[in-house]
Amino acid sequence: MTDKPAAEPSLLARKGSFLGTLKAVAWSFFGVRRGTDYERDLGQLNPLHLVVAAVIGAALFVLALVLLANWVVGSGAAASA
């Protein structure tokens, strides 16, 4: 007789909210995260939400860099330095 381990819930069935996922991704981009929050996120975050939030965060980051570069070049601050 073999004991089967209890079935783990599907990764996509996790109950983490999308807003919580956005918050976790934002802290990851910033580079600061407490160990206890990280451990909690591992058990709660939905991987699909995590991928979508990371792509949105990366796109916003690139857009912010492009806008900043255009602003610096357009203001003439780059030429006077």
PDB file of N, CA and C in Angstrom:
ATOM      1  N   MET A   1       0.842  -1.173   0.000  1.00  0.00           N
ATOM      2  CA  MET A   1       0.000   0.000   0.000  1.00  0.00           C
ATOM      3  C   MET A   1       0.890   1.240   0.000  1.00  0.00           C
ATOM      4  N   THR A   2       0.674   2.118  -0.923  1.00  0.00           N
ATOM      5  CA  THR A   2       1.474   3.344  -1.004  1.00  0.00           C
ATOM      6  C   THR A   2       0.620   4.533  -0.615  1.00  0.00           C
ATOM      7  N   ASP A   3       1.236   5.405   0.130  1.00  0.00           N
ATOM      8  CA  ASP A   3       0.542   6.642   0.510  1.00  0.00           C
ATOM      9  C   ASP A   3       0.843   7.711  -0.517  1.00  0.00           C
ATOM     10  N   LYS A   4      -0.188   8.189  -1.150  1.00  0.00           N
ATOM     11  CA  LYS A   4      -0.009   9.260  -2.127  1.00  0.00           C
ATOM     12  C   LYS A   4       0.015  10.596  -1.398  1.00  0.00           C
ATOM     13  N   PRO A   5       0.956  11.456  -1.771  1.00  0.00           N
ATOM     14  CA  PRO A   5       0.969  12.776  -1.136  1.00  0.00           C
ATOM     15  C   PRO A   5      -0.280  13.562  -1.524  1.00  0.00           C
ATOM     16  N   ALA A   6      -0.683  14.430  -0.625  1.00  0.00           N
ATOM     17  CA  ALA A   6      -1.856  15.254  -0.910  1.00  0.00           C
ATOM     18  C   ALA A   6      -1.598  16.093  -2.153  1.00  0.00           C
ATOM     19  N   ALA A   7      -2.586  16.171  -2.997  1.00  0.00           N
ATOM     20  CA  ALA A   7      -2.435  16.930  -4.238  1.00  0.00           C
ATOM     21  C   ALA A   7      -2.278  18.409  -3.919  1.00  0.00           C
ATOM     22  N   GLU A   8      -1.238  18.999  -4.487  1.00  0.00           N
ATOM     23  CA  GLU A   8      -1.021  20.432  -4.300  1.00  0.00           C
ATOM     24  C   GLU A   8      -1.949  21.192  -5.243  1.00  0.00           C
ATOM     25  N   PRO A   9      -2.439  22.339  -4.795  1.00  0.00           N
ATOM     26  CA  PRO A   9      -3.283  23.116  -5.690  1.00  0.00           C
ATOM     27  C   PRO A   9      -2.460  23.629  -6.878  1.00  0.00           C
ATOM     28  N   SER A  10      -3.108  23.782  -7.967  1.00  0.00           N
ATOM     29  CA  SER A  10      -2.452  24.275  -9.167  1.00  0.00           C
ATOM     30  C   SER A  10      -1.839  25.643  -8.905  1.00  0.00           C
ATOM     31  N   LEU A  11      -0.702  25.892  -9.518  1.00  0.00           N
ATOM     32  CA  LEU A  11      -0.045  27.196  -9.358  1.00  0.00           C
ATOM     33  C   LEU A  11      -0.948  28.325  -9.823  1.00  0.00           C
ATOM     34  N   LEU A  12      -1.733  28.073 -10.849  1.00  0.00           N
ATOM     35  CA  LEU A  12      -2.605  29.114 -11.386  1.00  0.00           C
ATOM     36  C   LEU A  12      -3.862  29.312 -10.553  1.00  0.00           C
ATOM     37  N   ALA A  13      -4.099  28.414  -9.594  1.00  0.00           N
ATOM     38  CA  ALA A  13      -5.286  28.535  -8.747  1.00  0.00           C
ATOM     39  C   ALA A  13      -4.978  29.286  -7.451  1.00  0.00           C
ATOM     40  N   ARG A  14      -3.774  29.817  -7.320  1.00  0.00           N
ATOM     41  CA  ARG A  14      -3.428  30.567  -6.117  1.00  0.00           C
ATOM     42  C   ARG A  14      -4.271  31.818  -6.024  1.00  0.00           C
ATOM     43  N   LYS A  15      -4.521  32.259  -4.801  1.00  0.00           N
ATOM     44  CA  LYS A  15      -5.466  33.337  -4.557  1.00  0.00           C
ATOM     45  C   LYS A  15      -4.820  34.720  -4.414  1.00  0.00           C
ATOM     46  N   GLY A  16      -3.564  34.859  -4.761  1.00  0.00           N
ATOM     47  CA  GLY A  16      -2.931  36.170  -4.662  1.00  0.00           C
ATOM     48  C   GLY A  16      -3.605  37.173  -5.591  1.00  0.00           C
ATOM     49  N   SER A  17      -3.761  38.404  -5.111  1.00  0.00           N
ATOM     50  CA  SER A  17      -4.418  39.422  -5.929  1.00  0.00           C
ATOM     51  C   SER A  17      -3.429  40.016  -6.929  1.00  0.00           C
ATOM     52  N   PHE A  18      -3.965  40.565  -8.005  1.00  0.00           N
ATOM     53  CA  PHE A  18      -3.112  41.182  -9.014  1.00  0.00           C
ATOM     54  C   PHE A  18      -2.447  42.430  -8.448  1.00  0.00           C
ATOM     55  N   LEU A  19      -3.153  43.171  -7.604  1.00  0.00           N
ATOM     56  CA  LEU A  19      -2.569  44.364  -6.979  1.00  0.00           C
ATOM     57  C   LEU A  19      -1.396  43.969  -6.075  1.00  0.00           C
ATOM     58  N   GLY A  20      -1.540  42.903  -5.340  1.00  0.00           N
ATOM     59  CA  GLY A  20      -0.440  42.405  -4.516  1.00  0.00           C
ATOM     60  C   GLY A  20       0.746  41.984  -5.364  1.00  0.00           C
ATOM     61  N   THR A  21       0.460  41.398  -6.514  1.00  0.00           N
ATOM     62  CA  THR A  21       1.519  40.993  -7.433  1.00  0.00           C
ATOM     63  C   THR A  21       2.239  42.216  -7.982  1.00  0.00           C
ATOM     64  N   LEU A  22       1.483  43.260  -8.343  1.00  0.00           N
ATOM     65  CA  LEU A  22       2.106  44.499  -8.830  1.00  0.00           C
ATOM     66  C   LEU A  22       3.017  45.096  -7.763  1.00  0.00           C
ATOM     67  N   LYS A  23       2.570  45.057  -6.520  1.00  0.00           N
ATOM     68  CA  LYS A  23       3.363  45.588  -5.412  1.00  0.00           C
ATOM     69  C   LYS A  23       4.666  44.784  -5.266  1.00  0.00           C
ATOM     70  N   ALA A  24       4.578  43.474  -5.328  1.00  0.00           N
ATOM     71  CA  ALA A  24       5.765  42.627  -5.201  1.00  0.00           C
ATOM     72  C   ALA A  24       6.742  42.875  -6.345  1.00  0.00           C
ATOM     73  N   VAL A  25       6.222  43.048  -7.556  1.00  0.00           N
ATOM     74  CA  VAL A  25       7.085  43.309  -8.712  1.00  0.00           C
ATOM     75  C   VAL A  25       7.739  44.686  -8.585  1.00  0.00           C
ATOM     76  N   ALA A  26       6.990  45.678  -8.102  1.00  0.00           N
ATOM     77  CA  ALA A  26       7.555  47.013  -7.913  1.00  0.00           C
ATOM     78  C   ALA A  26       8.707  46.970  -6.907  1.00  0.00           C
ATOM     79  N   TRP A  27       8.521  46.267  -5.796  1.00  0.00           N
ATOM     80  CA  TRP A  27       9.603  46.135  -4.824  1.00  0.00           C
ATOM     81  C   TRP A  27      10.784  45.400  -5.433  1.00  0.00           C
ATOM     82  N   SER A  28      10.533  44.448  -6.310  1.00  0.00           N
ATOM     83  CA  SER A  28      11.617  43.718  -6.958  1.00  0.00           C
ATOM     84  C   SER A  28      12.413  44.625  -7.890  1.00  0.00           C
ATOM     85  N   PHE A  29      11.732  45.494  -8.614  1.00  0.00           N
ATOM     86  CA  PHE A  29      12.434  46.445  -9.485  1.00  0.00           C
ATOM     87  C   PHE A  29      13.268  47.408  -8.652  1.00  0.00           C
ATOM     88  N   PHE A  30      12.760  47.785  -7.494  1.00  0.00           N
ATOM     89  CA  PHE A  30      13.475  48.686  -6.604  1.00  0.00           C
ATOM     90  C   PHE A  30      14.657  47.982  -5.942  1.00  0.00           C
ATOM     91  N   GLY A  31      14.554  46.681  -5.769  1.00  0.00           N
ATOM     92  CA  GLY A  31      15.645  45.892  -5.234  1.00  0.00           C
ATOM     93  C   GLY A  31      15.626  45.714  -3.730  1.00  0.00           C
ATOM     94  N   VAL A  32      14.515  46.033  -3.092  1.00  0.00           N
ATOM     95  CA  VAL A  32      14.414  45.897  -1.638  1.00  0.00           C
ATOM     96  C   VAL A  32      13.202  45.032  -1.326  1.00  0.00           C
ATOM     97  N   ARG A  33      13.443  43.960  -0.561  1.00  0.00           N
ATOM     98  CA  ARG A  33      12.342  43.070  -0.191  1.00  0.00           C
ATOM     99  C   ARG A  33      12.715  42.348   1.090  1.00  0.00           C
ATOM    100  N   ARG A  34      11.831  42.356   2.056  1.00  0.00           N
ATOM    101  CA  ARG A  34      12.077  41.620   3.301  1.00  0.00           C
ATOM    102  C   ARG A  34      11.932  40.127   3.051  1.00  0.00           C
ATOM    103  N   GLY A  35      12.714  39.350   3.759  1.00  0.00           N
ATOM    104  CA  GLY A  35      12.685  37.897   3.585  1.00  0.00           C
ATOM    105  C   GLY A  35      11.339  37.288   3.903  1.00  0.00           C
ATOM    106  N   THR A  36      10.667  37.804   4.940  1.00  0.00           N
ATOM    107  CA  THR A  36       9.360  37.247   5.305  1.00  0.00           C
ATOM    108  C   THR A  36       8.318  37.534   4.224  1.00  0.00           C
ATOM    109  N   ASP A  37       8.380  38.725   3.641  1.00  0.00           N
ATOM    110  CA  ASP A  37       7.442  39.052   2.548  1.00  0.00           C
ATOM    111  C   ASP A  37       7.719  38.201   1.325  1.00  0.00           C
ATOM    112  N   TYR A  38       8.990  37.964   1.044  1.00  0.00           N
ATOM    113  CA  TYR A  38       9.366  37.127  -0.091  1.00  0.00           C
ATOM    114  C   TYR A  38       8.824  35.705   0.086  1.00  0.00           C
ATOM    115  N   GLU A  39       9.005  35.144   1.273  1.00  0.00           N
ATOM    116  CA  GLU A  39       8.519  33.790   1.544  1.00  0.00           C
ATOM    117  C   GLU A  39       7.000  33.720   1.426  1.00  0.00           C
ATOM    118  N   ARG A  40       6.302  34.742   1.920  1.00  0.00           N
ATOM    119  CA  ARG A  40       4.844  34.773   1.830  1.00  0.00           C
ATOM    120  C   ARG A  40       4.409  34.850   0.366  1.00  0.00           C
ATOM    121  N   ASP A  41       5.109  35.670  -0.425  1.00  0.00           N
ATOM    122  CA  ASP A  41       4.771  35.821  -1.836  1.00  0.00           C
ATOM    123  C   ASP A  41       4.953  34.526  -2.611  1.00  0.00           C
ATOM    124  N   LEU A  42       5.969  33.747  -2.250  1.00  0.00           N
ATOM    125  CA  LEU A  42       6.195  32.481  -2.944  1.00  0.00           C
ATOM    126  C   LEU A  42       4.990  31.559  -2.853  1.00  0.00           C
ATOM    127  N   GLY A  43       4.295  31.607  -1.742  1.00  0.00           N
ATOM    128  CA  GLY A  43       3.147  30.734  -1.563  1.00  0.00           C
ATOM    129  C   GLY A  43       1.838  31.300  -2.062  1.00  0.00           C
ATOM    130  N   GLN A  44       1.776  32.618  -2.311  1.00  0.00           N
ATOM    131  CA  GLN A  44       0.498  33.235  -2.655  1.00  0.00           C
ATOM    132  C   GLN A  44       0.390  33.717  -4.092  1.00  0.00           C
ATOM    133  N   LEU A  45       1.484  34.172  -4.676  1.00  0.00           N
ATOM    134  CA  LEU A  45       1.385  34.814  -5.984  1.00  0.00           C
ATOM    135  C   LEU A  45       1.065  33.827  -7.098  1.00  0.00           C
ATOM    136  N   ASN A  46       0.215  34.265  -7.982  1.00  0.00           N
ATOM    137  CA  ASN A  46      -0.160  33.495  -9.157  1.00  0.00           C
ATOM    138  C   ASN A  46       0.925  33.735 -10.221  1.00  0.00           C
ATOM    139  N   PRO A  47       1.562  32.688 -10.744  1.00  0.00           N
ATOM    140  CA  PRO A  47       2.636  32.870 -11.723  1.00  0.00           C
ATOM    141  C   PRO A  47       2.199  33.642 -12.974  1.00  0.00           C
ATOM    142  N   LEU A  48       0.968  33.453 -13.406  1.00  0.00           N
ATOM    143  CA  LEU A  48       0.480  34.182 -14.579  1.00  0.00           C
ATOM    144  C   LEU A  48       0.406  35.679 -14.271  1.00  0.00           C
ATOM    145  N   HIS A  49      -0.103  36.028 -13.097  1.00  0.00           N
ATOM    146  CA  HIS A  49      -0.128  37.434 -12.684  1.00  0.00           C
ATOM    147  C   HIS A  49       1.285  37.992 -12.601  1.00  0.00           C
ATOM    148  N   LEU A  50       2.212  37.185 -12.114  1.00  0.00           N
ATOM    149  CA  LEU A  50       3.591  37.624 -11.955  1.00  0.00           C
ATOM    150  C   LEU A  50       4.229  37.964 -13.299  1.00  0.00           C
ATOM    151  N   VAL A  51       4.008  37.134 -14.291  1.00  0.00           N
ATOM    152  CA  VAL A  51       4.572  37.384 -15.623  1.00  0.00           C
ATOM    153  C   VAL A  51       3.961  38.640 -16.231  1.00  0.00           C
ATOM    154  N   VAL A  52       2.653  38.782 -16.143  1.00  0.00           N
ATOM    155  CA  VAL A  52       1.981  39.965 -16.700  1.00  0.00           C
ATOM    156  C   VAL A  52       2.448  41.235 -15.991  1.00  0.00           C
ATOM    157  N   ALA A  53       2.532  41.190 -14.673  1.00  0.00           N
ATOM    158  CA  ALA A  53       2.975  42.362 -13.913  1.00  0.00           C
ATOM    159  C   ALA A  53       4.423  42.712 -14.238  1.00  0.00           C
ATOM    160  N   ALA A  54       5.275  41.715 -14.412  1.00  0.00           N
ATOM    161  CA  ALA A  54       6.677  41.975 -14.752  1.00  0.00           C
ATOM    162  C   ALA A  54       6.808  42.608 -16.135  1.00  0.00           C
ATOM    163  N   VAL A  55       6.027  42.150 -17.089  1.00  0.00           N
ATOM    164  CA  VAL A  55       6.071  42.732 -18.437  1.00  0.00           C
ATOM    165  C   VAL A  55       5.571  44.178 -18.405  1.00  0.00           C
ATOM    166  N   ILE A  56       4.491  44.420 -17.670  1.00  0.00           N
ATOM    167  CA  ILE A  56       3.975  45.791 -17.530  1.00  0.00           C
ATOM    168  C   ILE A  56       5.014  46.676 -16.846  1.00  0.00           C
ATOM    169  N   GLY A  57       5.626  46.186 -15.775  1.00  0.00           N
ATOM    170  CA  GLY A  57       6.645  46.957 -15.067  1.00  0.00           C
ATOM    171  C   GLY A  57       7.851  47.264 -15.940  1.00  0.00           C
ATOM    172  N   ALA A  58       8.307  46.285 -16.709  1.00  0.00           N
ATOM    173  CA  ALA A  58       9.450  46.496 -17.593  1.00  0.00           C
ATOM    174  C   ALA A  58       9.109  47.513 -18.688  1.00  0.00           C
ATOM    175  N   ALA A  59       7.905  47.420 -19.244  1.00  0.00           N
ATOM    176  CA  ALA A  59       7.494  48.368 -20.284  1.00  0.00           C
ATOM    177  C   ALA A  59       7.411  49.789 -19.731  1.00  0.00           C
ATOM    178  N   LEU A  60       6.877  49.949 -18.528  1.00  0.00           N
ATOM    179  CA  LEU A  60       6.808  51.271 -17.908  1.00  0.00           C
ATOM    180  C   LEU A  60       8.199  51.818 -17.606  1.00  0.00           C
ATOM    181  N   PHE A  61       9.102  50.952 -17.171  1.00  0.00           N
ATOM    182  CA  PHE A  61      10.473  51.370 -16.894  1.00  0.00           C
ATOM    183  C   PHE A  61      11.168  51.855 -18.159  1.00  0.00           C
ATOM    184  N   VAL A  62      11.047  51.103 -19.244  1.00  0.00           N
ATOM    185  CA  VAL A  62      11.656  51.506 -20.517  1.00  0.00           C
ATOM    186  C   VAL A  62      11.026  52.799 -21.013  1.00  0.00           C
ATOM    187  N   LEU A  63       9.715  52.932 -20.910  1.00  0.00           N
ATOM    188  CA  LEU A  63       9.038  54.153 -21.335  1.00  0.00           C
ATOM    189  C   LEU A  63       9.532  55.351 -20.522  1.00  0.00           C
ATOM    190  N   ALA A  64       9.699  55.177 -19.225  1.00  0.00           N
ATOM    191  CA  ALA A  64      10.200  56.266 -18.380  1.00  0.00           C
ATOM    192  C   ALA A  64      11.614  56.666 -18.788  1.00  0.00           C
ATOM    193  N   LEU A  65      12.461  55.698 -19.105  1.00  0.00           N
ATOM    194  CA  LEU A  65      13.822  56.017 -19.544  1.00  0.00           C
ATOM    195  C   LEU A  65      13.834  56.747 -20.876  1.00  0.00           C
ATOM    196  N   VAL A  66      12.989  56.324 -21.796  1.00  0.00           N
ATOM    197  CA  VAL A  66      12.912  56.992 -23.103  1.00  0.00           C
ATOM    198  C   VAL A  66      12.413  58.420 -22.936  1.00  0.00           C
ATOM    199  N   LEU A  67      11.371  58.615 -22.124  1.00  0.00           N
ATOM    200  CA  LEU A  67      10.856  59.966 -21.892  1.00  0.00           C
ATOM    201  C   LEU A  67      11.901  60.845 -21.205  1.00  0.00           C
ATOM    202  N   LEU A  68      12.635  60.300 -20.255  1.00  0.00           N
ATOM    203  CA  LEU A  68      13.683  61.059 -19.578  1.00  0.00           C
ATOM    204  C   LEU A  68      14.788  61.448 -20.558  1.00  0.00           C
ATOM    205  N   ALA A  69      15.204  60.519 -21.397  1.00  0.00           N
ATOM    206  CA  ALA A  69      16.251  60.815 -22.391  1.00  0.00           C
ATOM    207  C   ALA A  69      15.782  61.882 -23.372  1.00  0.00           C
ATOM    208  N   ASN A  70      14.537  61.780 -23.836  1.00  0.00           N
ATOM    209  CA  ASN A  70      14.007  62.793 -24.755  1.00  0.00           C
ATOM    210  C   ASN A  70      13.921  64.162 -24.088  1.00  0.00           C
ATOM    211  N   TRP A  71      13.544  64.193 -22.822  1.00  0.00           N
ATOM    212  CA  TRP A  71      13.447  65.452 -22.097  1.00  0.00           C
ATOM    213  C   TRP A  71      14.830  66.097 -21.935  1.00  0.00           C
ATOM    214  N   VAL A  72      15.833  65.275 -21.579  1.00  0.00           N
ATOM    215  CA  VAL A  72      17.191  65.805 -21.396  1.00  0.00           C
ATOM    216  C   VAL A  72      17.749  66.316 -22.719  1.00  0.00           C
ATOM    217  N   VAL A  73      17.569  65.565 -23.780  1.00  0.00           N
ATOM    218  CA  VAL A  73      18.080  65.990 -25.087  1.00  0.00           C
ATOM    219  C   VAL A  73      17.334  67.213 -25.581  1.00  0.00           C
ATOM    220  N   GLY A  74      16.032  67.243 -25.381  1.00  0.00           N
ATOM    221  CA  GLY A  74      15.214  68.378 -25.836  1.00  0.00           C
ATOM    222  C   GLY A  74      15.447  69.660 -25.055  1.00  0.00           C
ATOM    223  N   SER A  75      15.844  69.548 -23.805  1.00  0.00           N
ATOM    224  CA  SER A  75      16.052  70.745 -22.984  1.00  0.00           C
ATOM    225  C   SER A  75      17.397  71.403 -23.251  1.00  0.00           C
ATOM    226  N   GLY A  76      18.279  70.713 -23.937  1.00  0.00           N
ATOM    227  CA  GLY A  76      19.583  71.264 -24.210  1.00  0.00           C
ATOM    228  C   GLY A  76      20.569  71.053 -23.069  1.00  0.00           C
ATOM    229  N   ALA A  77      20.151  70.422 -22.011  1.00  0.00           N
ATOM    230  CA  ALA A  77      21.032  70.191 -20.877  1.00  0.00           C
ATOM    231  C   ALA A  77      22.185  69.261 -21.253  1.00  0.00           C
ATOM    232  N   ALA A  78      21.965  68.373 -22.180  1.00  0.00           N
ATOM    233  CA  ALA A  78      23.016  67.436 -22.588  1.00  0.00           C
ATOM    234  C   ALA A  78      24.095  68.145 -23.375  1.00  0.00           C
ATOM    235  N   ALA A  79      23.754  69.183 -24.148  1.00  0.00           N
ATOM    236  CA  ALA A  79      24.721  69.885 -24.981  1.00  0.00           C
ATOM    237  C   ALA A  79      25.567  70.848 -24.159  1.00  0.00           C
ATOM    238  N   SER A  80      25.025  71.396 -23.076  1.00  0.00           N
ATOM    239  CA  SER A  80      25.765  72.378 -22.292  1.00  0.00           C
ATOM    240  C   SER A  80      26.675  71.741 -21.258  1.00  0.00           C
ATOM    241  N   ALA A  81      26.620  70.435 -21.107  1.00  0.00           N
ATOM    242  CA  ALA A  81      27.440  69.776 -20.073  1.00  0.00           C
ATOM    243  C   ALA A  81      28.840  69.548 -20.532  1.00  0.00           C
TER     244      ALA A  81
END
